[in-house]
């Protein structure tokens, strides 16, 4: 989400060198570039001015300890400032004391309210063991109710049976009664949006708020909309008293302005963030982690959580045990590894959460290379092999007629096939080095590089 902003800010800070104190001249030199970077990210002007004023005040005359770089000191100060702007110390938890606790989702059409409703229900069920009921109040958008019902089924949560011939207020009251009768812990109301903020939508939301008395009113923001999102959030907050916001679609080519602006403009915290296409791609908003992403420090916490949630640990262990025992690696193993990586967002998804080494990693070039080496293409070629060929790679390596059949069956070209075979052979050689004591020998060599013999 923050790749371009991160690169621009990293470039600014790396330009500061060779001093034992942060001077006014240094800050003046960087201020224009920082302001431009934030403006390009579509951060609200009032937020940009406040952020830079606070940063300059803290940074001026800040001493640089021996052995440290001015850029490191400034990055730390800017990071702390970002955390403050994003909501340091805010309460990001949902207030679910009532039963059923009612959560009302509001926002413009296309922001992702319906998908978020299903994601939130699935998350609450998984992490808090809450029984959730979803209800669509969108009687205006064709198939909105069918979409929520389908997503509810995929999330394995219940959905209130609604039809578009009813009024939103009547639907909400019926859903509330159904939630009470069914002993549900949480009722999530997916309200209708419009293309733009208008009074009829606000009046409808205010009537629903008055009738339902929700514990939470969350404004769902499309992360791609930048500064406009903050202005729309303010319009909703002025009339509905929001309890928080949700930032969606942050896995796209978003400039990040919404994340930096909404909290400051509304005074309400961003409580959740969605990061991908799957229903599990939802996370609690944490200012420290977002600030780290903006400054190119990655998000290792999210990567580890993703690994725990999405990678089949049993399959990974079997492959590791097999490699240590025999040094063998076949096409079935490669296919399993590709599928596990794809579940984590592919190589691009994994790299996006790794530290950017202070801007040294050429991410754009790397991403283009990764796009040209599609995991899907490799998977299709492997799936075009017979079970015997997957288990015994030598059959594919040494028999041209088999290779021609696989290429024809997969619909890929010979260049892609040969490239896949080269990659596979490199992985085979690597696996062979791990056989028996090979793994321990390699670990000992690595430890020696760092002066650690344990």
Protein backbone atom coordinates (compact mmCIF):
# COMPACT_ATOMS: atom_id res chain seq x y z
CA UNK A 1 0.00 0.00 0.00
CA UNK A 2 2.68 2.50 1.01
CA UNK A 3 5.44 1.49 -1.40
CA UNK A 4 5.78 4.79 -3.30
CA UNK A 5 5.46 6.91 -0.15
CA UNK A 6 7.97 4.67 1.62
CA UNK A 7 10.50 5.00 -1.21
CA UNK A 8 10.19 8.80 -1.34
CA UNK A 9 10.60 9.22 2.43
CA UNK A 10 13.57 6.80 2.51
CA UNK A 11 15.27 8.83 -0.25
CA UNK A 12 14.84 12.04 1.76
CA UNK A 13 16.33 10.63 4.94
CA UNK A 14 19.28 8.96 3.19
CA UNK A 15 20.33 12.37 1.90
CA UNK A 16 21.26 13.48 5.46
CA UNK A 17 24.89 12.61 6.18
CA UNK A 18 27.96 13.58 8.18
CA UNK A 19 26.91 15.60 11.23
CA UNK A 20 26.64 15.23 15.00
CA UNK A 21 23.50 17.38 15.26
CA UNK A 22 20.31 17.82 13.23
CA UNK A 23 20.40 21.40 11.96
CA UNK A 24 17.72 23.78 10.73
CA UNK A 25 19.33 23.80 7.28
CA UNK A 26 19.06 20.01 7.05
CA UNK A 27 15.39 20.11 7.98
CA UNK A 28 14.69 22.87 5.48
CA UNK A 29 16.35 20.82 2.75
CA UNK A 30 14.19 17.80 3.54
CA UNK A 31 10.92 19.61 4.32
CA UNK A 32 9.98 20.34 0.71
CA UNK A 33 10.64 16.75 -0.38
CA UNK A 34 8.73 15.30 2.58
CA UNK A 35 5.78 17.62 1.92
CA UNK A 36 5.74 16.64 -1.76
CA UNK A 37 5.88 12.93 -0.87
CA UNK A 38 2.91 13.30 1.50
CA UNK A 39 0.96 15.38 -1.02
CA UNK A 40 1.53 12.76 -3.71
CA UNK A 41 0.21 10.17 -1.26
CA UNK A 42 -2.96 12.30 -1.06
CA UNK A 43 -2.57 13.08 2.64
CA UNK A 44 -4.85 15.91 3.77
CA UNK A 45 -2.98 19.25 3.79
CA UNK A 46 -3.88 19.96 7.43
CA UNK A 47 -2.43 16.58 8.44
CA UNK A 48 0.73 17.13 6.37
CA UNK A 49 1.35 20.52 7.99
CA UNK A 50 0.79 19.17 11.49
CA UNK A 51 3.00 16.14 10.91
CA UNK A 52 5.91 18.17 9.54
CA UNK A 53 5.61 20.88 12.23
CA UNK A 54 5.75 18.27 15.02
CA UNK A 55 8.63 16.47 13.33
CA UNK A 56 10.69 19.64 12.87
CA UNK A 57 10.14 20.65 16.47
CA UNK A 58 11.35 17.31 17.80
CA UNK A 59 14.22 16.92 15.30
CA UNK A 60 15.81 20.38 15.52
CA UNK A 61 19.11 20.26 17.42
CA UNK A 62 18.63 16.56 18.14
CA UNK A 63 22.08 15.10 18.79
CA UNK A 64 23.42 12.19 16.76
CA UNK A 65 25.20 9.67 18.97
CA UNK A 66 28.59 8.34 17.96
CA UNK A 67 28.35 5.58 15.38
CA UNK A 68 24.80 6.47 14.37
CA UNK A 69 23.69 8.09 11.14
CA UNK A 70 21.58 11.27 10.99
CA UNK A 71 19.16 9.38 8.74
CA UNK A 72 18.63 6.73 11.45
CA UNK A 73 17.84 9.37 14.07
CA UNK A 74 15.40 11.14 11.75
CA UNK A 75 13.66 7.92 10.73
CA UNK A 76 13.10 7.06 14.41
CA UNK A 77 11.65 10.52 15.12
CA UNK A 78 9.45 10.45 12.02
CA UNK A 79 8.27 6.93 12.91
CA UNK A 80 7.21 8.09 16.38
CA UNK A 81 5.40 11.05 14.82
CA UNK A 82 3.54 8.80 12.39
CA UNK A 83 2.44 6.54 15.24
CA UNK A 84 0.98 9.56 17.04
CA UNK A 85 -0.89 10.70 13.91
CA UNK A 86 -2.25 7.19 13.26
CA UNK A 87 -3.61 6.86 16.79
CA UNK A 88 -1.08 5.93 19.46
CA UNK A 89 -2.86 4.80 22.61
CA UNK A 90 -6.29 4.55 20.95
CA UNK A 91 -8.69 1.78 21.91
CA UNK A 92 -9.04 -0.34 18.76
CA UNK A 93 -11.31 -2.98 20.32
CA UNK A 94 -15.00 -3.32 19.48
CA UNK A 95 -17.57 -2.62 22.20
CA UNK A 96 -19.59 -5.82 22.28
CA UNK A 97 -21.03 -5.73 25.81
CA UNK A 98 -24.72 -6.04 24.78
CA UNK A 99 -26.27 -9.22 23.40
CA UNK A 100 -26.80 -8.98 20.58
CA UNK A 101 -24.18 -6.30 20.07
CA UNK A 102 -25.11 -4.38 16.93
CA UNK A 103 -22.42 -3.20 14.52
CA UNK A 104 -23.58 -0.84 11.78
CA UNK A 105 -21.40 -0.44 8.68
CA UNK A 106 -21.73 2.80 6.71
CA UNK A 107 -19.92 4.29 3.73
CA UNK A 108 -20.09 5.00 0.03
CA UNK A 109 -20.99 2.45 -2.62
CA UNK A 110 -18.05 0.28 -3.65
CA UNK A 111 -16.02 0.84 -0.49
CA UNK A 112 -16.21 -2.84 0.42
CA UNK A 113 -18.82 -2.85 3.20
CA UNK A 114 -20.45 -6.14 2.20
CA UNK A 115 -17.19 -8.08 1.95
CA UNK A 116 -15.94 -6.51 5.18
CA UNK A 117 -19.16 -7.57 6.97
CA UNK A 118 -18.42 -11.22 6.16
CA UNK A 119 -14.73 -10.85 7.02
CA UNK A 120 -15.51 -9.31 10.40
CA UNK A 121 -18.07 -12.00 11.25
CA UNK A 122 -15.57 -14.72 10.37
CA UNK A 123 -12.84 -13.04 12.44
CA UNK A 124 -15.10 -12.60 15.50
CA UNK A 125 -16.16 -16.23 15.28
CA UNK A 126 -12.59 -17.46 14.96
CA UNK A 127 -10.87 -15.27 17.54
CA UNK A 128 -13.64 -14.52 20.07
CA UNK A 129 -16.02 -17.45 19.49
CA UNK A 130 -18.85 -15.02 18.75
CA UNK A 131 -21.99 -16.23 17.01
CA UNK A 132 -22.69 -13.61 14.34
CA UNK A 133 -25.71 -12.82 12.20
CA UNK A 134 -25.27 -10.77 9.01
CA UNK A 135 -28.08 -8.63 7.61
CA UNK A 136 -28.16 -6.64 4.38
CA UNK A 137 -30.21 -3.42 4.44
CA UNK A 138 -29.22 -2.49 0.88
CA UNK A 139 -32.53 -2.60 -0.98
CA UNK A 140 -31.24 -0.41 -3.83
CA UNK A 141 -28.30 -2.30 -5.30
CA UNK A 142 -29.13 -5.33 -7.45
CA UNK A 143 -27.97 -8.63 -5.94
CA UNK A 144 -26.57 -6.94 -2.79
CA UNK A 145 -28.47 -9.33 -0.54
CA UNK A 146 -27.46 -12.35 -2.59
CA UNK A 147 -23.82 -11.24 -2.38
CA UNK A 148 -23.93 -11.04 1.42
CA UNK A 149 -25.68 -14.43 1.66
CA UNK A 150 -22.97 -16.02 -0.52
CA UNK A 151 -20.15 -14.45 1.51
CA UNK A 152 -21.83 -15.54 4.75
CA UNK A 153 -21.95 -19.11 3.49
CA UNK A 154 -18.25 -18.95 2.56
CA UNK A 155 -17.45 -17.56 6.02
CA UNK A 156 -19.62 -20.22 7.70
CA UNK A 157 -21.77 -17.66 9.51
CA UNK A 158 -25.52 -17.05 9.36
CA UNK A 159 -27.28 -14.45 7.23
CA UNK A 160 -30.70 -12.93 7.85
CA UNK A 161 -33.13 -13.85 5.07
CA UNK A 162 -34.02 -10.47 3.54
CA UNK A 163 -35.74 -9.39 0.32
CA UNK A 164 -35.36 -6.04 -1.48
CA UNK A 165 -39.12 -5.31 -1.43
CA UNK A 166 -38.88 -4.24 2.24
CA UNK A 167 -37.82 -0.93 3.75
CA UNK A 168 -34.35 -0.71 5.41
CA UNK A 169 -35.82 0.27 8.81
CA UNK A 170 -38.29 -2.61 8.79
CA UNK A 171 -35.52 -5.00 7.74
CA UNK A 172 -33.27 -3.80 10.57
CA UNK A 173 -35.99 -4.30 13.18
CA UNK A 174 -36.76 -7.80 11.88
CA UNK A 175 -33.05 -8.67 11.91
CA UNK A 176 -32.73 -7.41 15.50
CA UNK A 177 -35.63 -9.61 16.60
CA UNK A 178 -34.16 -12.59 14.76
CA UNK A 179 -30.78 -12.00 16.46
CA UNK A 180 -32.46 -11.90 19.88
CA UNK A 181 -34.53 -15.01 19.23
CA UNK A 182 -31.50 -16.88 17.89
CA UNK A 183 -29.30 -15.91 20.86
CA UNK A 184 -26.68 -14.37 18.58
CA UNK A 185 -23.78 -12.46 20.15
CA UNK A 186 -23.37 -9.99 17.30
CA UNK A 187 -25.61 -8.55 14.58
CA UNK A 188 -23.75 -6.85 11.69
CA UNK A 189 -25.88 -4.49 9.59
CA UNK A 190 -24.64 -3.82 6.05
CA UNK A 191 -26.25 -0.50 5.07
CA UNK A 192 -26.72 0.86 1.56
CA UNK A 193 -24.22 3.30 0.09
CA UNK A 194 -24.39 5.90 -2.65
CA UNK A 195 -21.87 7.06 -5.21
CA UNK A 196 -21.56 10.37 -3.32
CA UNK A 197 -22.52 11.68 0.11
CA UNK A 198 -26.14 12.85 -0.03
CA UNK A 199 -28.79 13.81 2.52
CA UNK A 200 -31.14 10.91 1.77
CA UNK A 201 -28.40 8.42 2.67
CA UNK A 202 -27.59 10.36 5.85
CA UNK A 203 -31.26 10.52 6.86
CA UNK A 204 -31.59 6.76 6.36
CA UNK A 205 -28.46 6.06 8.42
CA UNK A 206 -29.62 8.40 11.20
CA UNK A 207 -33.01 6.66 11.34
CA UNK A 208 -31.26 3.27 11.56
CA UNK A 209 -28.95 4.56 14.28
CA UNK A 210 -31.91 5.83 16.30
CA UNK A 211 -33.89 2.59 15.94
CA UNK A 212 -31.05 0.09 16.41
CA UNK A 213 -28.82 1.90 18.95
CA UNK A 214 -25.66 0.19 17.61
CA UNK A 215 -22.65 -0.38 19.85
CA UNK A 216 -20.39 0.43 16.91
CA UNK A 217 -20.84 2.56 13.79
CA UNK A 218 -17.90 1.89 11.49
CA UNK A 219 -17.20 3.97 8.39
CA UNK A 220 -15.76 1.72 5.66
CA UNK A 221 -13.22 3.51 3.46
CA UNK A 222 -11.80 2.43 0.12
CA UNK A 223 -8.03 2.81 0.68
CA UNK A 224 -7.63 3.80 -2.98
CA UNK A 225 -9.58 7.06 -2.61
CA UNK A 226 -6.95 9.04 -0.70
CA UNK A 227 -7.84 12.47 0.69
CA UNK A 228 -11.49 12.26 -0.44
CA UNK A 229 -11.98 9.39 2.00
CA UNK A 230 -11.10 11.63 4.93
CA UNK A 231 -13.53 14.32 3.77
CA UNK A 232 -16.32 11.75 3.39
CA UNK A 233 -15.51 10.30 6.81
CA UNK A 234 -15.87 13.78 8.32
CA UNK A 235 -19.28 14.22 6.66
CA UNK A 236 -20.51 10.92 8.12
CA UNK A 237 -18.97 11.62 11.52
CA UNK A 238 -20.63 15.04 11.76
CA UNK A 239 -24.07 13.45 11.48
CA UNK A 240 -23.65 9.93 12.91
CA UNK A 241 -20.93 10.12 15.60
CA UNK A 242 -18.82 7.28 14.22
CA UNK A 243 -17.02 4.97 16.65
CA UNK A 244 -14.30 4.10 14.17
CA UNK A 245 -13.25 3.46 10.58
CA UNK A 246 -12.19 0.51 8.44
CA UNK A 247 -9.60 0.78 5.66
CA UNK A 248 -10.18 -1.65 2.76
CA UNK A 249 -8.35 -2.60 -0.46
CA UNK A 250 -4.93 -1.70 0.92
CA UNK A 251 -3.25 -4.39 -1.19
CA UNK A 252 -3.73 -2.32 -4.36
CA UNK A 253 -1.74 0.59 -5.74
CA UNK A 254 -2.97 2.84 -2.94
CA UNK A 255 -1.20 6.07 -2.10
CA UNK A 256 -1.91 5.74 1.63
CA UNK A 257 -3.37 9.20 2.25
CA UNK A 258 -6.56 7.85 3.82
CA UNK A 259 -4.70 6.03 6.58
CA UNK A 260 -2.78 9.16 7.56
CA UNK A 261 -5.76 11.51 7.29
CA UNK A 262 -8.87 9.83 8.70
CA UNK A 263 -7.81 9.66 12.33
CA UNK A 264 -6.77 13.33 12.40
CA UNK A 265 -9.83 14.58 10.51
CA UNK A 266 -12.48 12.63 12.46
CA UNK A 267 -10.76 12.02 15.79
CA UNK A 268 -11.91 8.39 15.54
CA UNK A 269 -9.55 5.41 15.25
CA UNK A 270 -9.14 3.14 12.26
CA UNK A 271 -10.07 -0.21 13.84
CA UNK A 272 -9.52 -2.69 11.01
CA UNK A 273 -7.61 -2.95 7.76
CA UNK A 274 -8.14 -5.43 4.92
CA UNK A 275 -5.14 -6.52 2.92
CA UNK A 276 -6.12 -8.92 0.14
CA UNK A 277 -8.84 -10.76 -1.74
CA UNK A 278 -9.50 -13.61 0.69
CA UNK A 279 -12.00 -13.49 3.56
CA UNK A 280 -9.15 -14.09 6.02
CA UNK A 281 -7.27 -10.98 4.82
CA UNK A 282 -8.35 -8.75 7.71
CA UNK A 283 -6.33 -7.42 10.61
CA UNK A 284 -6.68 -5.12 13.60
CA UNK A 285 -5.20 -1.72 12.76
CA UNK A 286 -1.96 -1.15 14.68
CA UNK A 287 -0.27 2.27 14.28
CA UNK A 288 3.24 0.99 15.02
CA UNK A 289 3.06 -1.61 12.26
CA UNK A 290 1.57 0.79 9.72
CA UNK A 291 4.22 3.43 10.53
CA UNK A 292 6.91 0.79 10.00
CA UNK A 293 5.46 -0.09 6.60
CA UNK A 294 5.42 3.57 5.56
CA UNK A 295 9.11 3.87 6.43
CA UNK A 296 10.06 0.68 4.58
CA UNK A 297 10.56 -1.39 7.73
CA UNK A 298 8.15 -4.10 6.58
CA UNK A 299 5.59 -5.93 8.69
CA UNK A 300 7.14 -9.11 10.04
CA UNK A 301 4.31 -9.53 12.59
CA UNK A 302 1.75 -9.77 9.78
CA UNK A 303 4.00 -12.15 7.82
CA UNK A 304 4.36 -14.54 10.78
CA UNK A 305 0.61 -14.40 11.48
CA UNK A 306 -0.11 -15.10 7.83
CA UNK A 307 2.30 -18.04 7.88
CA UNK A 308 0.61 -19.50 10.97
CA UNK A 309 -2.90 -19.02 9.58
CA UNK A 310 -2.47 -20.05 5.96
CA UNK A 311 0.43 -22.47 5.65
CA UNK A 312 -0.30 -26.16 6.20
CA UNK A 313 2.26 -26.90 8.91
CA UNK A 314 1.81 -30.66 8.58
CA UNK A 315 2.62 -30.66 4.85
CA UNK A 316 5.63 -28.39 5.38
CA UNK A 317 6.96 -30.67 8.12
CA UNK A 318 6.59 -33.77 5.92
CA UNK A 319 8.56 -32.15 3.10
CA UNK A 320 11.29 -30.96 5.52
CA UNK A 321 11.58 -34.41 7.15
CA UNK A 322 11.77 -36.06 3.73
CA UNK A 323 14.54 -33.70 2.54
CA UNK A 324 16.62 -34.18 5.70
CA UNK A 325 16.14 -37.95 5.49
CA UNK A 326 16.81 -38.49 1.79
CA UNK A 327 17.73 -35.18 0.15
CA UNK A 328 14.96 -35.85 -2.41
CA UNK A 329 12.72 -33.14 -3.85
CA UNK A 330 10.10 -33.90 -6.50
CA UNK A 331 7.46 -32.03 -8.49
CA UNK A 332 4.79 -32.80 -5.87
CA UNK A 333 6.92 -31.00 -3.28
CA UNK A 334 7.38 -28.00 -5.57
CA UNK A 335 3.63 -27.80 -6.27
CA UNK A 336 2.86 -27.88 -2.55
CA UNK A 337 5.35 -25.09 -1.88
CA UNK A 338 3.90 -22.93 -4.68
CA UNK A 339 0.35 -23.42 -3.38
CA UNK A 340 1.41 -22.48 0.15
CA UNK A 341 3.19 -19.34 -1.07
CA UNK A 342 0.18 -18.41 -3.21
CA UNK A 343 -2.05 -18.62 -0.13
CA UNK A 344 0.18 -15.95 1.44
CA UNK A 345 -0.27 -13.58 -1.50
CA UNK A 346 2.50 -14.98 -3.67
CA UNK A 347 6.10 -13.79 -3.65
CA UNK A 348 5.02 -10.16 -4.02
CA UNK A 349 2.81 -10.47 -0.95
CA UNK A 350 5.65 -11.93 1.09
CA UNK A 351 8.21 -9.35 -0.11
CA UNK A 352 5.82 -6.49 0.67
CA UNK A 353 6.03 -7.42 4.36
CA UNK A 354 9.82 -7.71 4.49
CA UNK A 355 11.99 -4.72 5.45
CA UNK A 356 13.05 -2.67 2.44
CA UNK A 357 16.64 -2.38 3.70
CA UNK A 358 16.43 1.39 3.90
CA UNK A 359 15.24 1.65 0.32
CA UNK A 360 18.15 -0.41 -1.05
CA UNK A 361 15.94 -3.17 -2.46
CA UNK A 362 14.82 -2.37 -6.05
CA UNK A 363 11.22 -3.40 -5.37
CA UNK A 364 9.65 -2.21 -8.63
CA UNK A 365 12.18 -4.07 -10.74
CA UNK A 366 11.86 -7.15 -8.55
CA UNK A 367 8.06 -7.12 -8.76
CA UNK A 368 8.14 -6.95 -12.56
CA UNK A 369 10.46 -9.95 -12.62
CA UNK A 370 8.17 -11.87 -10.29
CA UNK A 371 5.12 -11.05 -12.42
CA UNK A 372 6.88 -12.56 -15.45
CA UNK A 373 7.51 -15.79 -13.54
CA UNK A 374 3.93 -16.74 -12.75
CA UNK A 375 3.37 -19.41 -10.11
CA UNK A 376 0.17 -20.27 -11.98
CA UNK A 377 2.13 -21.20 -15.12
CA UNK A 378 4.48 -23.49 -13.18
CA UNK A 379 1.55 -25.10 -11.33
CA UNK A 380 -0.27 -25.79 -14.63
CA UNK A 381 2.84 -27.45 -16.09
CA UNK A 382 3.24 -29.69 -13.03
CA UNK A 383 -0.46 -30.57 -13.04
CA UNK A 384 -0.09 -31.62 -16.70
CA UNK A 385 2.32 -34.35 -15.61
CA UNK A 386 1.24 -37.87 -14.65
CA UNK A 387 1.41 -38.86 -10.95
CA UNK A 388 4.40 -41.03 -11.81
CA UNK A 389 6.24 -38.13 -13.49
CA UNK A 390 5.63 -35.83 -10.50
CA UNK A 391 7.03 -38.43 -8.11
CA UNK A 392 10.02 -39.37 -10.34
CA UNK A 393 11.37 -36.15 -11.97
CA UNK A 394 14.02 -38.04 -13.96
CA UNK A 395 11.25 -39.28 -16.26
CA UNK A 396 10.55 -35.69 -17.28
CA UNK A 397 14.16 -34.55 -17.36
CA UNK A 398 15.37 -37.32 -19.67
CA UNK A 399 12.47 -38.10 -22.02
CA UNK A 400 11.74 -35.52 -24.78
CA UNK A 401 8.41 -37.08 -25.77
CA UNK A 402 7.13 -36.64 -22.23
CA UNK A 403 8.28 -33.00 -22.25
CA UNK A 404 6.45 -32.30 -25.51
CA UNK A 405 3.25 -33.88 -24.14
CA UNK A 406 3.43 -31.79 -20.94
CA UNK A 407 4.04 -28.56 -22.88
CA UNK A 408 1.10 -29.25 -25.19
CA UNK A 409 -1.17 -30.24 -22.29
CA UNK A 410 -0.34 -27.16 -20.22
CA UNK A 411 -0.67 -24.67 -23.07
CA UNK A 412 2.69 -23.10 -22.15
CA UNK A 413 5.67 -22.64 -24.49
CA UNK A 414 8.98 -24.49 -24.52
CA UNK A 415 10.89 -21.48 -23.13
CA UNK A 416 8.71 -21.38 -20.01
CA UNK A 417 9.03 -25.14 -19.59
CA UNK A 418 12.84 -25.08 -19.77
CA UNK A 419 12.93 -22.17 -17.32
CA UNK A 420 10.77 -24.16 -14.90
CA UNK A 421 13.05 -27.20 -15.21
CA UNK A 422 16.13 -25.06 -14.46
CA UNK A 423 14.50 -23.63 -11.33
CA UNK A 424 13.45 -27.10 -10.25
CA UNK A 425 16.97 -28.50 -10.72
CA UNK A 426 18.42 -25.70 -8.60
CA UNK A 427 15.93 -26.54 -5.85
CA UNK A 428 16.84 -30.23 -6.12
CA UNK A 429 20.53 -29.41 -5.63
CA UNK A 430 19.73 -27.25 -2.64
CA UNK A 431 17.58 -30.01 -1.11
CA UNK A 432 20.41 -32.53 -1.56
CA UNK A 433 22.70 -30.35 0.58
CA UNK A 434 20.27 -30.65 3.49
CA UNK A 435 20.41 -34.45 3.58
CA UNK A 436 21.53 -36.03 6.84
CA UNK A 437 24.13 -33.84 8.54
CA UNK A 438 24.10 -31.38 5.67
CA UNK A 439 21.57 -29.16 7.42
CA UNK A 440 23.62 -29.06 10.63
CA UNK A 441 26.86 -28.38 8.76
CA UNK A 442 25.28 -25.48 6.89
CA UNK A 443 23.84 -24.02 10.12
CA UNK A 444 27.26 -24.25 11.77
CA UNK A 445 28.89 -22.41 8.85
CA UNK A 446 26.28 -19.66 9.07
CA UNK A 447 26.77 -19.40 12.83
CA UNK A 448 30.51 -19.05 12.28
CA UNK A 449 29.97 -16.03 10.10
CA UNK A 450 28.38 -14.25 13.04
CA UNK A 451 30.81 -15.52 15.67
CA UNK A 452 28.20 -17.79 17.23
CA UNK A 453 29.20 -21.44 17.63
CA UNK A 454 26.01 -22.59 19.37
